[in-house]
Amino acid sequence: MNNFKDNNEKLNKMLEQGRAMDAFELYYSENVTMQENETAPRIGKEFNREQCGGFVEAFPDLKLRVLGVAYGENLSIQEILFDYTNERGEKIVYPEVAVRRWENGLVAKEKFYYAS
């Protein structure tokens, strides 16, 4: 397995262990762009750290489970099941597809697809 596939597996395992922000620090490039569906991409690790960290902190019972992974050339696609309680006390469970484009063993671009 080449480097990005190994790193993708480690990243996904950390997500399932509740270590999303640790995974972000280890496996995302400084110039990463992240995009939710068709919204404007968020550019840079610092800005994305704030966005991702805010989501993780807002939902302390957040659990992520990777349902499946596919690979292409410097590309990984994973279906991830989100499970948490929102601010109104409602249980939220939904699948999301994360498409990661890798450069030098780090995520350079990530786009999330989910029902809005």
PDB file of N, CA and C in Angstrom:
ATOM      1  N   MET A   1       0.843  -1.178   0.000  1.00  0.00           N
ATOM      2  CA  MET A   1       0.000   0.000   0.000  1.00  0.00           C
ATOM      3  C   MET A   1       0.884   1.236   0.000  1.00  0.00           C
ATOM      4  N   ASN A   2       0.512   2.238  -0.789  1.00  0.00           N
ATOM      5  CA  ASN A   2       1.354   3.430  -0.779  1.00  0.00           C
ATOM      6  C   ASN A   2       0.985   4.336   0.399  1.00  0.00           C
ATOM      7  N   ASN A   3       1.773   5.346   0.602  1.00  0.00           N
ATOM      8  CA  ASN A   3       1.706   6.197   1.781  1.00  0.00           C
ATOM      9  C   ASN A   3       0.316   6.793   2.028  1.00  0.00           C
ATOM     10  N   PHE A   4      -0.320   7.317   1.002  1.00  0.00           N
ATOM     11  CA  PHE A   4      -1.601   7.976   1.250  1.00  0.00           C
ATOM     12  C   PHE A   4      -2.668   6.977   1.694  1.00  0.00           C
ATOM     13  N   LYS A   5      -2.618   5.761   1.188  1.00  0.00           N
ATOM     14  CA  LYS A   5      -3.606   4.761   1.621  1.00  0.00           C
ATOM     15  C   LYS A   5      -3.391   4.388   3.083  1.00  0.00           C
ATOM     16  N   ASP A   6      -2.149   4.208   3.480  1.00  0.00           N
ATOM     17  CA  ASP A   6      -1.848   3.936   4.891  1.00  0.00           C
ATOM     18  C   ASP A   6      -2.337   5.086   5.764  1.00  0.00           C
ATOM     19  N   ASN A   7      -2.028   6.308   5.344  1.00  0.00           N
ATOM     20  CA  ASN A   7      -2.436   7.479   6.123  1.00  0.00           C
ATOM     21  C   ASN A   7      -3.955   7.621   6.166  1.00  0.00           C
ATOM     22  N   ASN A   8      -4.623   7.289   5.070  1.00  0.00           N
ATOM     23  CA  ASN A   8      -6.083   7.361   5.060  1.00  0.00           C
ATOM     24  C   ASN A   8      -6.682   6.370   6.048  1.00  0.00           C
ATOM     25  N   GLU A   9      -6.138   5.164   6.081  1.00  0.00           N
ATOM     26  CA  GLU A   9      -6.634   4.163   7.035  1.00  0.00           C
ATOM     27  C   GLU A   9      -6.411   4.613   8.472  1.00  0.00           C
ATOM     28  N   LYS A  10      -5.246   5.187   8.758  1.00  0.00           N
ATOM     29  CA  LYS A  10      -4.955   5.690  10.100  1.00  0.00           C
ATOM     30  C   LYS A  10      -5.883   6.849  10.457  1.00  0.00           C
ATOM     31  N   LEU A  11      -6.084   7.765   9.509  1.00  0.00           N
ATOM     32  CA  LEU A  11      -6.983   8.904   9.726  1.00  0.00           C
ATOM     33  C   LEU A  11      -8.392   8.404  10.050  1.00  0.00           C
ATOM     34  N   ASN A  12      -8.906   7.485   9.246  1.00  0.00           N
ATOM     35  CA  ASN A  12     -10.262   6.975   9.471  1.00  0.00           C
ATOM     36  C   ASN A  12     -10.385   6.271  10.821  1.00  0.00           C
ATOM     37  N   LYS A  13      -9.358   5.525  11.203  1.00  0.00           N
ATOM     38  CA  LYS A  13      -9.383   4.850  12.505  1.00  0.00           C
ATOM     39  C   LYS A  13      -9.436   5.886  13.635  1.00  0.00           C
ATOM     40  N   MET A  14      -8.674   6.965  13.492  1.00  0.00           N
ATOM     41  CA  MET A  14      -8.689   8.018  14.512  1.00  0.00           C
ATOM     42  C   MET A  14     -10.064   8.679  14.594  1.00  0.00           C
ATOM     43  N   LEU A  15     -10.716   8.865  13.453  1.00  0.00           N
ATOM     44  CA  LEU A  15     -12.086   9.423  13.465  1.00  0.00           C
ATOM     45  C   LEU A  15     -13.006   8.525  14.284  1.00  0.00           C
ATOM     46  N   GLU A  16     -12.908   7.220  14.044  1.00  0.00           N
ATOM     47  CA  GLU A  16     -13.764   6.270  14.768  1.00  0.00           C
ATOM     48  C   GLU A  16     -13.440   6.216  16.259  1.00  0.00           C
ATOM     49  N   GLN A  17     -12.210   6.551  16.621  1.00  0.00           N
ATOM     50  CA  GLN A  17     -11.802   6.565  18.026  1.00  0.00           C
ATOM     51  C   GLN A  17     -12.147   7.877  18.728  1.00  0.00           C
ATOM     52  N   GLY A  18     -12.778   8.815  18.015  1.00  0.00           N
ATOM     53  CA  GLY A  18     -13.118  10.099  18.611  1.00  0.00           C
ATOM     54  C   GLY A  18     -11.951  11.071  18.648  1.00  0.00           C
ATOM     55  N   ARG A  19     -10.972  10.870  17.779  1.00  0.00           N
ATOM     56  CA  ARG A  19      -9.769  11.701  17.755  1.00  0.00           C
ATOM     57  C   ARG A  19      -9.689  12.509  16.463  1.00  0.00           C
ATOM     58  N   ALA A  20     -10.805  13.130  16.089  1.00  0.00           N
ATOM     59  CA  ALA A  20     -10.887  13.852  14.816  1.00  0.00           C
ATOM     60  C   ALA A  20      -9.857  14.977  14.724  1.00  0.00           C
ATOM     61  N   MET A  21      -9.689  15.745  15.782  1.00  0.00           N
ATOM     62  CA  MET A  21      -8.777  16.878  15.708  1.00  0.00           C
ATOM     63  C   MET A  21      -7.311  16.417  15.708  1.00  0.00           C
ATOM     64  N   ASP A  22      -7.011  15.329  16.394  1.00  0.00           N
ATOM     65  CA  ASP A  22      -5.653  14.770  16.323  1.00  0.00           C
ATOM     66  C   ASP A  22      -5.356  14.325  14.895  1.00  0.00           C
ATOM     67  N   ALA A  23      -6.334  13.684  14.260  1.00  0.00           N
ATOM     68  CA  ALA A  23      -6.177  13.240  12.875  1.00  0.00           C
ATOM     69  C   ALA A  23      -5.988  14.436  11.949  1.00  0.00           C
ATOM     70  N   PHE A  24      -6.747  15.488  12.194  1.00  0.00           N
ATOM     71  CA  PHE A  24      -6.630  16.704  11.384  1.00  0.00           C
ATOM     72  C   PHE A  24      -5.196  17.246  11.454  1.00  0.00           C
ATOM     73  N   GLU A  25      -4.642  17.310  12.646  1.00  0.00           N
ATOM     74  CA  GLU A  25      -3.286  17.854  12.813  1.00  0.00           C
ATOM     75  C   GLU A  25      -2.249  16.992  12.104  1.00  0.00           C
ATOM     76  N   LEU A  26      -2.419  15.691  12.127  1.00  0.00           N
ATOM     77  CA  LEU A  26      -1.433  14.783  11.540  1.00  0.00           C
ATOM     78  C   LEU A  26      -1.525  14.648  10.024  1.00  0.00           C
ATOM     79  N   TYR A  27      -2.740  14.653   9.480  1.00  0.00           N
ATOM     80  CA  TYR A  27      -2.920  14.211   8.096  1.00  0.00           C
ATOM     81  C   TYR A  27      -3.448  15.264   7.117  1.00  0.00           C
ATOM     82  N   TYR A  28      -3.533  16.513   7.536  1.00  0.00           N
ATOM     83  CA  TYR A  28      -4.009  17.563   6.628  1.00  0.00           C
ATOM     84  C   TYR A  28      -2.896  18.564   6.358  1.00  0.00           C
ATOM     85  N   SER A  29      -2.778  18.991   5.097  1.00  0.00           N
ATOM     86  CA  SER A  29      -1.718  19.920   4.705  1.00  0.00           C
ATOM     87  C   SER A  29      -2.028  21.329   5.213  1.00  0.00           C
ATOM     88  N   GLU A  30      -1.016  22.145   5.269  1.00  0.00           N
ATOM     89  CA  GLU A  30      -1.177  23.532   5.726  1.00  0.00           C
ATOM     90  C   GLU A  30      -2.089  24.334   4.798  1.00  0.00           C
ATOM     91  N   ASN A  31      -2.124  23.976   3.524  1.00  0.00           N
ATOM     92  CA  ASN A  31      -2.928  24.715   2.541  1.00  0.00           C
ATOM     93  C   ASN A  31      -4.198  23.974   2.151  1.00  0.00           C
ATOM     94  N   VAL A  32      -4.674  23.079   3.007  1.00  0.00           N
ATOM     95  CA  VAL A  32      -5.838  22.256   2.698  1.00  0.00           C
ATOM     96  C   VAL A  32      -7.052  23.125   2.367  1.00  0.00           C
ATOM     97  N   THR A  33      -7.836  22.655   1.397  1.00  0.00           N
ATOM     98  CA  THR A  33      -9.145  23.258   1.137  1.00  0.00           C
ATOM     99  C   THR A  33     -10.198  22.219   1.477  1.00  0.00           C
ATOM    100  N   MET A  34     -11.260  22.680   2.135  1.00  0.00           N
ATOM    101  CA  MET A  34     -12.358  21.797   2.529  1.00  0.00           C
ATOM    102  C   MET A  34     -13.657  22.449   2.071  1.00  0.00           C
ATOM    103  N   GLN A  35     -14.588  21.618   1.609  1.00  0.00           N
ATOM    104  CA  GLN A  35     -15.820  22.142   1.022  1.00  0.00           C
ATOM    105  C   GLN A  35     -16.999  21.281   1.425  1.00  0.00           C
ATOM    106  N   GLU A  36     -18.073  21.928   1.834  1.00  0.00           N
ATOM    107  CA  GLU A  36     -19.334  21.259   2.182  1.00  0.00           C
ATOM    108  C   GLU A  36     -20.273  21.359   0.983  1.00  0.00           C
ATOM    109  N   ASN A  37     -20.634  20.226   0.389  1.00  0.00           N
ATOM    110  CA  ASN A  37     -21.508  20.202  -0.789  1.00  0.00           C
ATOM    111  C   ASN A  37     -21.032  21.244  -1.795  1.00  0.00           C
ATOM    112  N   GLU A  38     -21.890  22.179  -2.183  1.00  0.00           N
ATOM    113  CA  GLU A  38     -21.512  23.158  -3.202  1.00  0.00           C
ATOM    114  C   GLU A  38     -21.251  24.543  -2.630  1.00  0.00           C
ATOM    115  N   THR A  39     -20.999  24.647  -1.324  1.00  0.00           N
ATOM    116  CA  THR A  39     -20.637  25.937  -0.738  1.00  0.00           C
ATOM    117  C   THR A  39     -19.213  26.290  -1.148  1.00  0.00           C
ATOM    118  N   ALA A  40     -18.817  27.514  -0.886  1.00  0.00           N
ATOM    119  CA  ALA A  40     -17.454  27.947  -1.216  1.00  0.00           C
ATOM    120  C   ALA A  40     -16.442  27.164  -0.374  1.00  0.00           C
ATOM    121  N   PRO A  41     -15.331  26.774  -0.961  1.00  0.00           N
ATOM    122  CA  PRO A  41     -14.312  26.048  -0.204  1.00  0.00           C
ATOM    123  C   PRO A  41     -13.720  26.920   0.905  1.00  0.00           C
ATOM    124  N   ARG A  42     -13.359  26.252   2.013  1.00  0.00           N
ATOM    125  CA  ARG A  42     -12.626  26.909   3.097  1.00  0.00           C
ATOM    126  C   ARG A  42     -11.149  26.613   2.849  1.00  0.00           C
ATOM    127  N   ILE A  43     -10.328  27.641   2.899  1.00  0.00           N
ATOM    128  CA  ILE A  43      -8.932  27.503   2.506  1.00  0.00           C
ATOM    129  C   ILE A  43      -8.014  27.677   3.712  1.00  0.00           C
ATOM    130  N   GLY A  44      -7.070  26.755   3.861  1.00  0.00           N
ATOM    131  CA  GLY A  44      -6.040  26.853   4.878  1.00  0.00           C
ATOM    132  C   GLY A  44      -6.330  26.033   6.123  1.00  0.00           C
ATOM    133  N   LYS A  45      -5.270  25.492   6.686  1.00  0.00           N
ATOM    134  CA  LYS A  45      -5.407  24.616   7.849  1.00  0.00           C
ATOM    135  C   LYS A  45      -5.918  25.377   9.066  1.00  0.00           C
ATOM    136  N   GLU A  46      -5.430  26.582   9.282  1.00  0.00           N
ATOM    137  CA  GLU A  46      -5.852  27.344  10.459  1.00  0.00           C
ATOM    138  C   GLU A  46      -7.357  27.593  10.441  1.00  0.00           C
ATOM    139  N   PHE A  47      -7.882  28.077   9.314  1.00  0.00           N
ATOM    140  CA  PHE A  47      -9.319  28.355   9.217  1.00  0.00           C
ATOM    141  C   PHE A  47     -10.137  27.069   9.359  1.00  0.00           C
ATOM    142  N   ASN A  48      -9.694  26.009   8.706  1.00  0.00           N
ATOM    143  CA  ASN A  48     -10.418  24.744   8.785  1.00  0.00           C
ATOM    144  C   ASN A  48     -10.326  24.119  10.172  1.00  0.00           C
ATOM    145  N   ARG A  49      -9.224  24.327  10.863  1.00  0.00           N
ATOM    146  CA  ARG A  49      -9.086  23.855  12.241  1.00  0.00           C
ATOM    147  C   ARG A  49     -10.187  24.468  13.110  1.00  0.00           C
ATOM    148  N   GLU A  50     -10.406  25.765  12.972  1.00  0.00           N
ATOM    149  CA  GLU A  50     -11.455  26.456  13.744  1.00  0.00           C
ATOM    150  C   GLU A  50     -12.831  25.890  13.417  1.00  0.00           C
ATOM    151  N   GLN A  51     -13.107  25.688  12.134  1.00  0.00           N
ATOM    152  CA  GLN A  51     -14.413  25.180  11.703  1.00  0.00           C
ATOM    153  C   GLN A  51     -14.648  23.760  12.199  1.00  0.00           C
ATOM    154  N   CYS A  52     -13.679  22.896  11.976  1.00  0.00           N
ATOM    155  CA  CYS A  52     -13.816  21.487  12.381  1.00  0.00           C
ATOM    156  C   CYS A  52     -13.856  21.357  13.902  1.00  0.00           C
ATOM    157  N   GLY A  53     -12.968  22.085  14.569  1.00  0.00           N
ATOM    158  CA  GLY A  53     -12.927  22.039  16.024  1.00  0.00           C
ATOM    159  C   GLY A  53     -14.219  22.523  16.645  1.00  0.00           C
ATOM    160  N   GLY A  54     -14.814  23.550  16.052  1.00  0.00           N
ATOM    161  CA  GLY A  54     -16.091  24.062  16.552  1.00  0.00           C
ATOM    162  C   GLY A  54     -17.192  23.026  16.451  1.00  0.00           C
ATOM    163  N   PHE A  55     -17.220  22.287  15.348  1.00  0.00           N
ATOM    164  CA  PHE A  55     -18.227  21.243  15.173  1.00  0.00           C
ATOM    165  C   PHE A  55     -18.027  20.132  16.200  1.00  0.00           C
ATOM    166  N   VAL A  56     -16.798  19.686  16.352  1.00  0.00           N
ATOM    167  CA  VAL A  56     -16.494  18.602  17.292  1.00  0.00           C
ATOM    168  C   VAL A  56     -16.843  19.025  18.721  1.00  0.00           C
ATOM    169  N   GLU A  57     -16.492  20.244  19.096  1.00  0.00           N
ATOM    170  CA  GLU A  57     -16.779  20.736  20.451  1.00  0.00           C
ATOM    171  C   GLU A  57     -18.274  20.909  20.693  1.00  0.00           C
ATOM    172  N   ALA A  58     -19.018  21.280  19.658  1.00  0.00           N
ATOM    173  CA  ALA A  58     -20.458  21.527  19.812  1.00  0.00           C
ATOM    174  C   ALA A  58     -21.238  20.253  20.114  1.00  0.00           C
ATOM    175  N   PHE A  59     -20.687  19.108  19.730  1.00  0.00           N
ATOM    176  CA  PHE A  59     -21.405  17.843  19.884  1.00  0.00           C
ATOM    177  C   PHE A  59     -20.505  16.827  20.587  1.00  0.00           C
ATOM    178  N   PRO A  60     -20.415  16.909  21.918  1.00  0.00           N
ATOM    179  CA  PRO A  60     -19.483  16.050  22.655  1.00  0.00           C
ATOM    180  C   PRO A  60     -19.770  14.554  22.534  1.00  0.00           C
ATOM    181  N   ASP A  61     -20.999  14.180  22.152  1.00  0.00           N
ATOM    182  CA  ASP A  61     -21.302  12.752  22.000  1.00  0.00           C
ATOM    183  C   ASP A  61     -21.127  12.268  20.558  1.00  0.00           C
ATOM    184  N   LEU A  62     -20.491  13.078  19.721  1.00  0.00           N
ATOM    185  CA  LEU A  62     -20.281  12.743  18.313  1.00  0.00           C
ATOM    186  C   LEU A  62     -19.547  11.418  18.166  1.00  0.00           C
ATOM    187  N   LYS A  63     -20.133  10.554  17.342  1.00  0.00           N
ATOM    188  CA  LYS A  63     -19.494   9.285  16.996  1.00  0.00           C
ATOM    189  C   LYS A  63     -19.483   9.186  15.474  1.00  0.00           C
ATOM    190  N   LEU A  64     -18.346   8.753  14.941  1.00  0.00           N
ATOM    191  CA  LEU A  64     -18.183   8.573  13.507  1.00  0.00           C
ATOM    192  C   LEU A  64     -17.835   7.122  13.232  1.00  0.00           C
ATOM    193  N   ARG A  65     -18.444   6.580  12.177  1.00  0.00           N
ATOM    194  CA  ARG A  65     -18.143   5.202  11.786  1.00  0.00           C
ATOM    195  C   ARG A  65     -17.934   5.174  10.280  1.00  0.00           C
ATOM    196  N   VAL A  66     -16.810   4.644   9.852  1.00  0.00           N
ATOM    197  CA  VAL A  66     -16.511   4.537   8.425  1.00  0.00           C
ATOM    198  C   VAL A  66     -17.203   3.286   7.906  1.00  0.00           C
ATOM    199  N   LEU A  67     -18.090   3.478   6.932  1.00  0.00           N
ATOM    200  CA  LEU A  67     -18.878   2.379   6.384  1.00  0.00           C
ATOM    201  C   LEU A  67     -18.202   1.706   5.190  1.00  0.00           C
ATOM    202  N   GLY A  68     -17.365   2.461   4.480  1.00  0.00           N
ATOM    203  CA  GLY A  68     -16.681   1.909   3.320  1.00  0.00           C
ATOM    204  C   GLY A  68     -15.687   2.895   2.759  1.00  0.00           C
ATOM    205  N   VAL A  69     -14.691   2.374   2.044  1.00  0.00           N
ATOM    206  CA  VAL A  69     -13.628   3.198   1.469  1.00  0.00           C
ATOM    207  C   VAL A  69     -13.333   2.698   0.060  1.00  0.00           C
ATOM    208  N   ALA A  70     -13.074   3.640  -0.842  1.00  0.00           N
ATOM    209  CA  ALA A  70     -12.625   3.309  -2.196  1.00  0.00           C
ATOM    210  C   ALA A  70     -11.425   4.196  -2.521  1.00  0.00           C
ATOM    211  N   TYR A  71     -10.558   3.688  -3.400  1.00  0.00           N
ATOM    212  CA  TYR A  71      -9.346   4.421  -3.742  1.00  0.00           C
ATOM    213  C   TYR A  71      -9.215   4.623  -5.240  1.00  0.00           C
ATOM    214  N   GLY A  72      -8.599   5.744  -5.587  1.00  0.00           N
ATOM    215  CA  GLY A  72      -8.175   6.047  -6.940  1.00  0.00           C
ATOM    216  C   GLY A  72      -6.759   6.581  -6.856  1.00  0.00           C
ATOM    217  N   GLU A  73      -6.304   7.229  -7.907  1.00  0.00           N
ATOM    218  CA  GLU A  73      -4.953   7.776  -7.912  1.00  0.00           C
ATOM    219  C   GLU A  73      -4.892   9.011  -7.016  1.00  0.00           C
ATOM    220  N   ASN A  74      -4.183   8.901  -5.894  1.00  0.00           N
ATOM    221  CA  ASN A  74      -4.088   9.979  -4.902  1.00  0.00           C
ATOM    222  C   ASN A  74      -5.462  10.466  -4.458  1.00  0.00           C
ATOM    223  N   LEU A  75      -6.403   9.536  -4.356  1.00  0.00           N
ATOM    224  CA  LEU A  75      -7.789   9.849  -4.042  1.00  0.00           C
ATOM    225  C   LEU A  75      -8.352   8.775  -3.121  1.00  0.00           C
ATOM    226  N   SER A  76      -9.048   9.208  -2.093  1.00  0.00           N
ATOM    227  CA  SER A  76      -9.793   8.263  -1.251  1.00  0.00           C
ATOM    228  C   SER A  76     -11.214   8.788  -1.094  1.00  0.00           C
ATOM    229  N   ILE A  77     -12.138   7.867  -1.098  1.00  0.00           N
ATOM    230  CA  ILE A  77     -13.554   8.194  -0.934  1.00  0.00           C
ATOM    231  C   ILE A  77     -14.063   7.318   0.186  1.00  0.00           C
ATOM    232  N   GLN A  78     -14.651   7.938   1.190  1.00  0.00           N
ATOM    233  CA  GLN A  78     -15.176   7.180   2.315  1.00  0.00           C
ATOM    234  C   GLN A  78     -16.583   7.632   2.647  1.00  0.00           C
ATOM    235  N   GLU A  79     -17.413   6.638   2.973  1.00  0.00           N
ATOM    236  CA  GLU A  79     -18.747   6.924   3.488  1.00  0.00           C
ATOM    237  C   GLU A  79     -18.641   6.844   5.012  1.00  0.00           C
ATOM    238  N   ILE A  80     -19.061   7.914   5.671  1.00  0.00           N
ATOM    239  CA  ILE A  80     -18.932   8.025   7.116  1.00  0.00           C
ATOM    240  C   ILE A  80     -20.310   8.266   7.716  1.00  0.00           C
ATOM    241  N   LEU A  81     -20.652   7.514   8.740  1.00  0.00           N
ATOM    242  CA  LEU A  81     -21.923   7.697   9.434  1.00  0.00           C
ATOM    243  C   LEU A  81     -21.695   8.602  10.639  1.00  0.00           C
ATOM    244  N   PHE A  82     -22.424   9.706  10.692  1.00  0.00           N
ATOM    245  CA  PHE A  82     -22.390  10.643  11.809  1.00  0.00           C
ATOM    246  C   PHE A  82     -23.528  10.307  12.758  1.00  0.00           C
ATOM    247  N   ASP A  83     -23.254  10.363  14.053  1.00  0.00           N
ATOM    248  CA  ASP A  83     -24.251  10.057  15.078  1.00  0.00           C
ATOM    249  C   ASP A  83     -23.978  10.980  16.265  1.00  0.00           C
ATOM    250  N   TYR A  84     -24.932  11.860  16.573  1.00  0.00           N
ATOM    251  CA  TYR A  84     -24.764  12.795  17.692  1.00  0.00           C
ATOM    252  C   TYR A  84     -26.111  13.366  18.105  1.00  0.00           C
ATOM    253  N   THR A  85     -26.111  14.087  19.203  1.00  0.00           N
ATOM    254  CA  THR A  85     -27.300  14.776  19.691  1.00  0.00           C
ATOM    255  C   THR A  85     -27.111  16.266  19.435  1.00  0.00           C
ATOM    256  N   ASN A  86     -28.096  16.892  18.777  1.00  0.00           N
ATOM    257  CA  ASN A  86     -27.957  18.315  18.475  1.00  0.00           C
ATOM    258  C   ASN A  86     -28.295  19.179  19.692  1.00  0.00           C
ATOM    259  N   GLU A  87     -28.219  20.478  19.507  1.00  0.00           N
ATOM    260  CA  GLU A  87     -28.433  21.417  20.612  1.00  0.00           C
ATOM    261  C   GLU A  87     -29.864  21.401  21.153  1.00  0.00           C
ATOM    262  N   ARG A  88     -30.814  20.838  20.408  1.00  0.00           N
ATOM    263  CA  ARG A  88     -32.205  20.736  20.867  1.00  0.00           C
ATOM    264  C   ARG A  88     -32.490  19.369  21.503  1.00  0.00           C
ATOM    265  N   GLY A  89     -31.444  18.566  21.665  1.00  0.00           N
ATOM    266  CA  GLY A  89     -31.597  17.252  22.278  1.00  0.00           C
ATOM    267  C   GLY A  89     -32.090  16.183  21.323  1.00  0.00           C
ATOM    268  N   GLU A  90     -32.092  16.467  20.023  1.00  0.00           N
ATOM    269  CA  GLU A  90     -32.550  15.512  19.021  1.00  0.00           C
ATOM    270  C   GLU A  90     -31.388  14.630  18.559  1.00  0.00           C
ATOM    271  N   LYS A  91     -31.657  13.344  18.410  1.00  0.00           N
ATOM    272  CA  LYS A  91     -30.659  12.402  17.904  1.00  0.00           C
ATOM    273  C   LYS A  91     -30.535  12.593  16.396  1.00  0.00           C
ATOM    274  N   ILE A  92     -29.322  12.810  15.927  1.00  0.00           N
ATOM    275  CA  ILE A  92     -29.056  13.024  14.507  1.00  0.00           C
ATOM    276  C   ILE A  92     -28.147  11.896  14.019  1.00  0.00           C
ATOM    277  N   VAL A  93     -28.571  11.202  12.968  1.00  0.00           N
ATOM    278  CA  VAL A  93     -27.767  10.149  12.349  1.00  0.00           C
ATOM    279  C   VAL A  93     -27.876  10.339  10.840  1.00  0.00           C
ATOM    280  N   TYR A  94     -26.731  10.487  10.181  1.00  0.00           N
ATOM    281  CA  TYR A  94     -26.760  10.636   8.723  1.00  0.00           C
ATOM    282  C   TYR A  94     -25.424  10.200   8.120  1.00  0.00           C
ATOM    283  N   PRO A  95     -25.478   9.713   6.880  1.00  0.00           N
ATOM    284  CA  PRO A  95     -24.245   9.361   6.179  1.00  0.00           C
ATOM    285  C   PRO A  95     -23.703  10.572   5.415  1.00  0.00           C
ATOM    286  N   GLU A  96     -22.392  10.582   5.274  1.00  0.00           N
ATOM    287  CA  GLU A  96     -21.716  11.627   4.512  1.00  0.00           C
ATOM    288  C   GLU A  96     -20.626  10.944   3.692  1.00  0.00           C
ATOM    289  N   VAL A  97     -20.399  11.443   2.495  1.00  0.00           N
ATOM    290  CA  VAL A  97     -19.294  10.951   1.680  1.00  0.00           C
ATOM    291  C   VAL A  97     -18.205  12.019   1.694  1.00  0.00           C
ATOM    292  N   ALA A  98     -16.998  11.614   2.060  1.00  0.00           N
ATOM    293  CA  ALA A  98     -15.846  12.522   2.077  1.00  0.00           C
ATOM    294  C   ALA A  98     -14.887  12.089   0.976  1.00  0.00           C
ATOM    295  N   VAL A  99     -14.613  13.004   0.064  1.00  0.00           N
ATOM    296  CA  VAL A  99     -13.682  12.745  -1.025  1.00  0.00           C
ATOM    297  C   VAL A  99     -12.399  13.501  -0.703  1.00  0.00           C
ATOM    298  N   ARG A 100     -11.325  12.746  -0.519  1.00  0.00           N
ATOM    299  CA  ARG A 100     -10.037  13.344  -0.159  1.00  0.00           C
ATOM    300  C   ARG A 100      -9.059  13.210  -1.321  1.00  0.00           C
ATOM    301  N   ARG A 101      -8.406  14.300  -1.640  1.00  0.00           N
ATOM    302  CA  ARG A 101      -7.334  14.309  -2.637  1.00  0.00           C
ATOM    303  C   ARG A 101      -6.025  14.524  -1.877  1.00  0.00           C
ATOM    304  N   TRP A 102      -5.079  13.629  -2.109  1.00  0.00           N
ATOM    305  CA  TRP A 102      -3.848  13.556  -1.332  1.00  0.00           C
ATOM    306  C   TRP A 102      -2.652  14.061  -2.120  1.00  0.00           C
ATOM    307  N   GLU A 103      -1.752  14.774  -1.414  1.00  0.00           N
ATOM    308  CA  GLU A 103      -0.458  15.193  -1.969  1.00  0.00           C
ATOM    309  C   GLU A 103       0.595  14.975  -0.892  1.00  0.00           C
ATOM    310  N   ASN A 104       1.656  14.287  -1.238  1.00  0.00           N
ATOM    311  CA  ASN A 104       2.771  14.043  -0.307  1.00  0.00           C
ATOM    312  C   ASN A 104       2.305  13.420   1.004  1.00  0.00           C
ATOM    313  N   GLY A 105       1.341  12.514   0.933  1.00  0.00           N
ATOM    314  CA  GLY A 105       0.874  11.800   2.116  1.00  0.00           C
ATOM    315  C   GLY A 105      -0.076  12.576   3.007  1.00  0.00           C
ATOM    316  N   LEU A 106      -0.506  13.764   2.573  1.00  0.00           N
ATOM    317  CA  LEU A 106      -1.424  14.598   3.358  1.00  0.00           C
ATOM    318  C   LEU A 106      -2.658  14.950   2.540  1.00  0.00           C
ATOM    319  N   VAL A 107      -3.755  15.195   3.225  1.00  0.00           N
ATOM    320  CA  VAL A 107      -4.977  15.632   2.548  1.00  0.00           C
ATOM    321  C   VAL A 107      -4.769  17.065   2.074  1.00  0.00           C
ATOM    322  N   ALA A 108      -4.883  17.265   0.765  1.00  0.00           N
ATOM    323  CA  ALA A 108      -4.747  18.599   0.179  1.00  0.00           C
ATOM    324  C   ALA A 108      -6.118  19.228  -0.073  1.00  0.00           C
ATOM    325  N   LYS A 109      -7.094  18.383  -0.417  1.00  0.00           N
ATOM    326  CA  LYS A 109      -8.464  18.846  -0.673  1.00  0.00           C
ATOM    327  C   LYS A 109      -9.422  17.802  -0.133  1.00  0.00           C
ATOM    328  N   GLU A 110     -10.492  18.283   0.471  1.00  0.00           N
ATOM    329  CA  GLU A 110     -11.529  17.372   0.947  1.00  0.00           C
ATOM    330  C   GLU A 110     -12.878  18.021   0.681  1.00  0.00           C
ATOM    331  N   LYS A 111     -13.760  17.234   0.081  1.00  0.00           N
ATOM    332  CA  LYS A 111     -15.116  17.714  -0.188  1.00  0.00           C
ATOM    333  C   LYS A 111     -16.094  16.731   0.415  1.00  0.00           C
ATOM    334  N   PHE A 112     -17.098  17.276   1.112  1.00  0.00           N
ATOM    335  CA  PHE A 112     -18.098  16.477   1.793  1.00  0.00           C
ATOM    336  C   PHE A 112     -19.421  16.557   1.048  1.00  0.00           C
ATOM    337  N   TYR A 113     -20.059  15.416   0.865  1.00  0.00           N
ATOM    338  CA  TYR A 113     -21.350  15.332   0.200  1.00  0.00           C
ATOM    339  C   TYR A 113     -22.350  14.716   1.186  1.00  0.00           C
ATOM    340  N   TYR A 114     -23.444  15.410   1.426  1.00  0.00           N
ATOM    341  CA  TYR A 114     -24.479  14.921   2.328  1.00  0.00           C
ATOM    342  C   TYR A 114     -25.786  15.642   2.026  1.00  0.00           C
ATOM    343  N   ALA A 115     -26.886  15.040   2.461  1.00  0.00           N
ATOM    344  CA  ALA A 115     -28.191  15.671   2.271  1.00  0.00           C
ATOM    345  C   ALA A 115     -28.268  16.891   3.177  1.00  0.00           C
ATOM    346  N   SER A 116     -28.790  17.979   2.629  1.00  0.00           N
ATOM    347  CA  SER A 116     -28.872  19.202   3.451  1.00  0.00           C
ATOM    348  C   SER A 116     -30.279  19.409   3.955  1.00  0.00           C
TER     349      SER A 116
END
